[in-house]
Amino acid sequence: MNRVAVLGARGRMGVASVRAIEASSDLTVVAEIDVDDDIQDIVDKKADIVLVFSPPGAAHEQVQWCIKQGIHVVVGSSGFDEQSVEDIRAALVDHPDVSVFVVPNFSVSAVLMTKFATKAAPYYESVEIIEIHHPGKVDAPSGTAQHTAELIGLARAKAGCAPSPDATTRDPHGTRGGQIEGVSVHAVRVRGFMSSQEVLLGVEGEILRLRYDSVTRESLMPGVLTSLRAVPNLTGVTVGLDAVLDLD
């Protein structure tokens, strides 16, 4: 039975994850750590895996600390961009027996949406992303939106696609959203939503909409458990739940 420590254990995802882990037959929670708790408890309780849901600022340092302790890590915190992954990869050079699994979204629906959007993007002239979350989310855009935009941008670049057409020359309020790898991304924060994302793809006379909605955190728990079970068998740093799902 793998022993799991949860960082950010009193947050929404942390609480749901602790319940799901304790309900499983092959995983157990040995440490629940949040703000002002001693991270050394992870070592003292002999955790095999650390599940990180801390705020982005703290999460980066905590992941590096876990690597130095020789403990596998599953990262559920947002804010782990390409540079963050490179920093993890550099740290793992001295710790080849440790694996880190960065999961931008634990929703299987979100993973499928990103995969479908990446496949479709080279066939459409225009592509934009709208992500919608609850107003308690501290970072924008979401990790899922960033990951989706990066994959779409790479797919379009490989296919030699031109930039999405946009005649906008004046936008003093920044309403056209942000740009990630040439893809416009719009972050919406509305009470009542939990986690949603829509990718809009268009050509003359036709629009393709790809969307997922997670309405409870329990819907994300199969992805959390899958990631915890997979990380001891991975090598180095791995990004995206799709890496351990048989989607091809």
Protein backbone atom coordinates (compact mmCIF):
# COMPACT_ATOMS: atom_id res chain seq x y z
CA MET A 1 0.00 0.00 0.00
CA ASN A 2 1.48 3.36 -1.06
CA ARG A 3 1.68 6.00 1.66
CA VAL A 4 0.55 9.45 0.52
CA ALA A 5 1.13 12.90 2.01
CA VAL A 6 -1.20 15.68 0.83
CA LEU A 7 0.05 19.27 0.65
CA GLY A 8 -2.79 21.78 0.63
CA ALA A 9 -4.87 19.21 2.50
CA ARG A 10 -7.45 21.69 3.80
CA GLY A 11 -8.20 23.20 0.40
CA ARG A 12 -11.13 22.05 -1.73
CA MET A 13 -9.13 19.59 -3.84
CA GLY A 14 -7.07 18.49 -0.86
CA VAL A 15 -10.13 17.59 1.22
CA ALA A 16 -11.76 15.68 -1.65
CA SER A 17 -8.50 13.86 -2.41
CA VAL A 18 -7.98 12.77 1.19
CA ARG A 19 -11.47 11.25 1.22
CA ALA A 20 -10.89 9.46 -2.10
CA ILE A 21 -7.49 8.11 -1.08
CA GLU A 22 -8.81 6.80 2.23
CA ALA A 23 -11.69 5.09 0.41
CA SER A 24 -9.27 3.24 -1.91
CA SER A 25 -7.89 -0.20 -1.17
CA ASP A 26 -4.27 0.40 -2.21
CA LEU A 27 -3.48 3.94 -0.98
CA THR A 28 -3.47 5.55 2.44
CA VAL A 29 -2.99 9.11 3.73
CA VAL A 30 -0.16 9.39 6.26
CA ALA A 31 0.15 13.20 6.42
CA GLU A 32 -2.23 16.11 5.81
CA ILE A 33 -0.26 19.35 5.56
CA ASP A 34 -1.48 22.88 4.98
CA VAL A 35 -0.38 26.45 5.77
CA ASP A 36 1.72 26.70 8.95
CA ASP A 37 2.11 22.90 9.20
CA ASP A 38 5.60 21.37 9.25
CA ILE A 39 6.49 19.88 5.85
CA GLN A 40 9.02 17.65 7.62
CA ASP A 41 6.01 15.53 8.62
CA ILE A 42 6.19 14.05 5.10
CA VAL A 43 9.54 12.44 5.93
CA ASP A 44 8.68 11.61 9.52
CA LYS A 45 5.55 9.73 8.41
CA LYS A 46 7.56 7.92 5.68
CA ALA A 47 5.39 9.00 2.75
CA ASP A 48 6.08 7.29 -0.59
CA ILE A 49 4.26 9.93 -2.66
CA VAL A 50 3.39 13.58 -2.13
CA LEU A 51 0.24 15.01 -3.72
CA VAL A 52 0.62 18.78 -4.10
CA PHE A 53 -2.37 21.14 -4.13
CA SER A 54 -0.63 24.12 -2.51
CA PRO A 55 -0.94 27.63 -4.03
CA PRO A 56 1.43 28.05 -6.98
CA GLY A 57 3.95 30.22 -5.11
CA ALA A 58 4.55 27.63 -2.40
CA ALA A 59 4.12 24.58 -4.63
CA HIS A 60 7.28 25.19 -6.68
CA GLU A 61 9.49 25.23 -3.59
CA GLN A 62 7.70 22.24 -2.08
CA VAL A 63 8.22 20.12 -5.19
CA GLN A 64 11.94 20.91 -5.17
CA TRP A 65 12.09 20.00 -1.47
CA CYS A 66 10.33 16.66 -2.07
CA ILE A 67 12.75 15.80 -4.87
CA LYS A 68 15.69 16.37 -2.51
CA GLN A 69 14.05 14.03 0.00
CA GLY A 70 13.81 11.32 -2.67
CA ILE A 71 9.99 11.22 -2.68
CA HIS A 72 7.77 10.87 -5.77
CA VAL A 73 5.48 13.84 -6.45
CA VAL A 74 2.12 14.34 -8.17
CA VAL A 75 1.57 18.05 -8.85
CA GLY A 76 -2.03 19.25 -9.01
CA SER A 77 -1.23 22.93 -8.43
CA SER A 78 -1.59 25.38 -11.31
CA GLY A 79 1.26 27.56 -12.52
CA PHE A 80 3.66 24.86 -13.70
CA ASP A 81 4.62 26.11 -17.15
CA GLU A 82 7.37 24.90 -19.47
CA GLN A 83 10.08 26.66 -17.45
CA SER A 84 8.79 25.06 -14.25
CA VAL A 85 9.00 21.63 -15.87
CA GLU A 86 12.57 22.37 -16.97
CA ASP A 87 13.45 23.35 -13.39
CA ILE A 88 12.05 20.01 -12.17
CA ARG A 89 13.94 18.12 -14.87
CA ALA A 90 17.18 19.82 -13.80
CA ALA A 91 16.59 18.90 -10.16
CA LEU A 92 15.94 15.27 -11.06
CA VAL A 93 19.40 14.89 -12.61
CA ASP A 94 20.78 14.30 -9.11
CA HIS A 95 17.77 12.18 -8.09
CA PRO A 96 17.19 9.67 -10.91
CA ASP A 97 15.06 7.40 -8.71
CA VAL A 98 12.45 10.13 -8.16
CA SER A 99 9.59 10.79 -10.57
CA VAL A 100 7.39 13.89 -10.77
CA PHE A 101 4.00 13.82 -12.47
CA VAL A 102 2.63 17.27 -13.34
CA VAL A 103 -1.12 17.03 -13.99
CA PRO A 104 -2.74 20.27 -15.24
CA ASN A 105 -6.20 18.68 -14.93
CA PHE A 106 -7.36 15.43 -13.36
CA SER A 107 -10.57 15.36 -15.41
CA VAL A 108 -10.63 12.64 -18.05
CA SER A 109 -13.08 14.83 -20.00
CA ALA A 110 -10.59 17.70 -19.94
CA VAL A 111 -7.79 15.43 -21.15
CA LEU A 112 -9.94 14.16 -24.03
CA MET A 113 -11.00 17.71 -24.92
CA THR A 114 -7.39 18.85 -25.08
CA LYS A 115 -6.42 15.85 -27.22
CA PHE A 116 -9.34 16.37 -29.63
CA ALA A 117 -8.61 20.11 -29.87
CA THR A 118 -4.93 19.48 -30.61
CA LYS A 119 -5.86 17.02 -33.37
CA ALA A 120 -8.40 19.42 -34.87
CA ALA A 121 -6.48 22.71 -34.59
CA PRO A 122 -4.40 22.44 -37.83
CA TYR A 123 -7.59 22.04 -39.88
CA TYR A 124 -9.14 25.36 -38.80
CA GLU A 125 -8.25 28.94 -39.59
CA SER A 126 -9.19 30.30 -36.16
CA VAL A 127 -8.82 28.92 -32.64
CA GLU A 128 -9.46 30.48 -29.24
CA ILE A 129 -9.87 29.14 -25.70
CA ILE A 130 -12.32 30.22 -23.02
CA GLU A 131 -11.77 28.85 -19.50
CA ILE A 132 -14.32 29.43 -16.73
CA HIS A 133 -13.71 28.87 -13.02
CA HIS A 134 -15.04 29.89 -9.62
CA PRO A 135 -13.92 33.33 -8.34
CA GLY A 136 -11.82 31.73 -5.59
CA LYS A 137 -9.20 30.58 -8.12
CA VAL A 138 -6.05 32.65 -7.60
CA ASP A 139 -4.31 32.13 -10.95
CA ALA A 140 -5.26 32.85 -14.54
CA PRO A 141 -5.31 31.29 -16.98
CA SER A 142 -5.88 27.82 -15.62
CA GLY A 143 -3.18 25.20 -15.98
CA THR A 144 -5.48 23.29 -18.33
CA ALA A 145 -5.95 26.31 -20.61
CA GLN A 146 -2.22 26.97 -20.69
CA HIS A 147 -1.45 23.31 -21.45
CA THR A 148 -4.15 23.19 -24.14
CA ALA A 149 -2.89 26.39 -25.77
CA GLU A 150 0.70 25.14 -25.77
CA LEU A 151 -0.25 21.86 -27.45
CA ILE A 152 -2.50 23.59 -29.99
CA GLY A 153 0.21 26.13 -30.78
CA LEU A 154 2.76 23.37 -31.30
CA ALA A 155 0.40 21.38 -33.54
CA ARG A 156 -0.38 24.44 -35.68
CA ALA A 157 3.29 25.37 -35.95
CA LYS A 158 4.21 21.86 -37.11
CA ALA A 159 1.43 22.03 -39.72
CA GLY A 160 2.62 25.45 -40.96
CA CYS A 161 -0.64 27.19 -40.06
CA ALA A 162 -0.89 30.97 -40.31
CA PRO A 163 -1.85 32.93 -37.18
CA SER A 164 -5.58 33.10 -36.46
CA PRO A 165 -7.01 36.10 -38.35
CA ASP A 166 -7.74 39.14 -36.20
CA ALA A 167 -8.24 42.67 -37.47
CA THR A 168 -8.18 44.18 -33.97
CA THR A 169 -5.87 47.21 -33.82
CA ARG A 170 -7.29 48.91 -30.74
CA ASP A 171 -8.09 47.16 -27.45
CA PRO A 172 -7.35 49.56 -24.56
CA HIS A 173 -9.02 47.29 -22.00
CA GLY A 174 -7.35 44.03 -23.05
CA THR A 175 -10.65 42.35 -23.89
CA ARG A 176 -9.09 40.15 -26.59
CA GLY A 177 -7.52 38.02 -23.87
CA GLY A 178 -3.97 36.78 -23.45
CA GLN A 179 -1.74 35.07 -26.00
CA ILE A 180 -0.16 31.68 -25.36
CA GLU A 181 1.79 30.19 -28.28
CA GLY A 182 -0.26 32.33 -30.65
CA VAL A 183 -3.60 31.18 -29.18
CA SER A 184 -5.94 33.72 -27.58
CA VAL A 185 -7.02 32.60 -24.11
CA HIS A 186 -9.83 34.18 -22.10
CA ALA A 187 -10.19 33.57 -18.34
CA VAL A 188 -13.65 33.99 -16.80
CA ARG A 189 -14.39 33.89 -13.06
CA VAL A 190 -18.06 33.41 -12.18
CA ARG A 191 -19.70 32.20 -8.98
CA GLY A 192 -21.46 28.86 -9.49
CA PHE A 193 -18.87 27.40 -11.86
CA MET A 194 -16.20 24.98 -10.74
CA SER A 195 -14.08 24.14 -13.80
CA SER A 196 -15.04 24.53 -17.46
CA GLN A 197 -13.21 25.05 -20.72
CA GLU A 198 -14.29 25.58 -24.31
CA VAL A 199 -12.13 25.55 -27.43
CA LEU A 200 -13.60 27.36 -30.43
CA LEU A 201 -12.31 26.39 -33.88
CA GLY A 202 -13.57 27.99 -37.07
CA VAL A 203 -13.27 28.23 -40.83
CA GLU A 204 -15.51 30.10 -43.24
CA GLY A 205 -19.04 28.78 -42.77
CA GLU A 206 -18.27 26.26 -40.01
CA ILE A 207 -17.53 26.24 -36.27
CA LEU A 208 -16.41 23.38 -34.06
CA ARG A 209 -16.97 23.76 -30.28
CA LEU A 210 -15.26 21.42 -27.84
CA ARG A 211 -16.23 21.85 -24.18
CA TYR A 212 -16.03 20.09 -20.84
CA ASP A 213 -17.60 21.00 -17.49
CA SER A 214 -16.61 19.56 -14.12
CA VAL A 215 -19.35 20.39 -11.64
CA THR A 216 -18.06 18.48 -8.59
CA ARG A 217 -14.56 17.78 -7.37
CA GLU A 218 -15.53 14.15 -6.96
CA SER A 219 -15.49 13.92 -10.77
CA LEU A 220 -11.74 14.55 -10.63
CA MET A 221 -10.94 11.84 -8.10
CA PRO A 222 -10.50 8.94 -10.57
CA GLY A 223 -7.77 11.03 -12.22
CA VAL A 224 -6.15 11.78 -8.87
CA LEU A 225 -6.05 8.10 -7.90
CA THR A 226 -4.80 7.06 -11.34
CA SER A 227 -1.95 9.58 -11.08
CA LEU A 228 -0.93 8.44 -7.59
CA ARG A 229 -0.86 4.82 -8.71
CA ALA A 230 1.12 5.64 -11.85
CA VAL A 231 3.85 7.97 -10.56
CA PRO A 232 6.13 5.32 -8.94
CA ASN A 233 6.42 3.62 -12.34
CA LEU A 234 7.21 6.77 -14.32
CA THR A 235 10.66 8.13 -15.12
CA GLY A 236 11.80 11.72 -14.66
CA VAL A 237 9.14 14.38 -15.13
CA THR A 238 5.87 13.59 -16.94
CA VAL A 239 3.22 16.13 -17.90
CA GLY A 240 -0.47 15.44 -18.44
CA LEU A 241 -2.88 12.72 -17.38
CA ASP A 242 -3.02 11.51 -20.98
CA ALA A 243 0.48 10.07 -20.50
CA VAL A 244 -0.97 7.23 -18.40
CA LEU A 245 -4.26 6.77 -20.27
CA ASP A 246 -4.50 4.55 -23.34
CA LEU A 247 -5.94 7.21 -25.66
CA ASP A 248 -4.36 5.98 -28.90
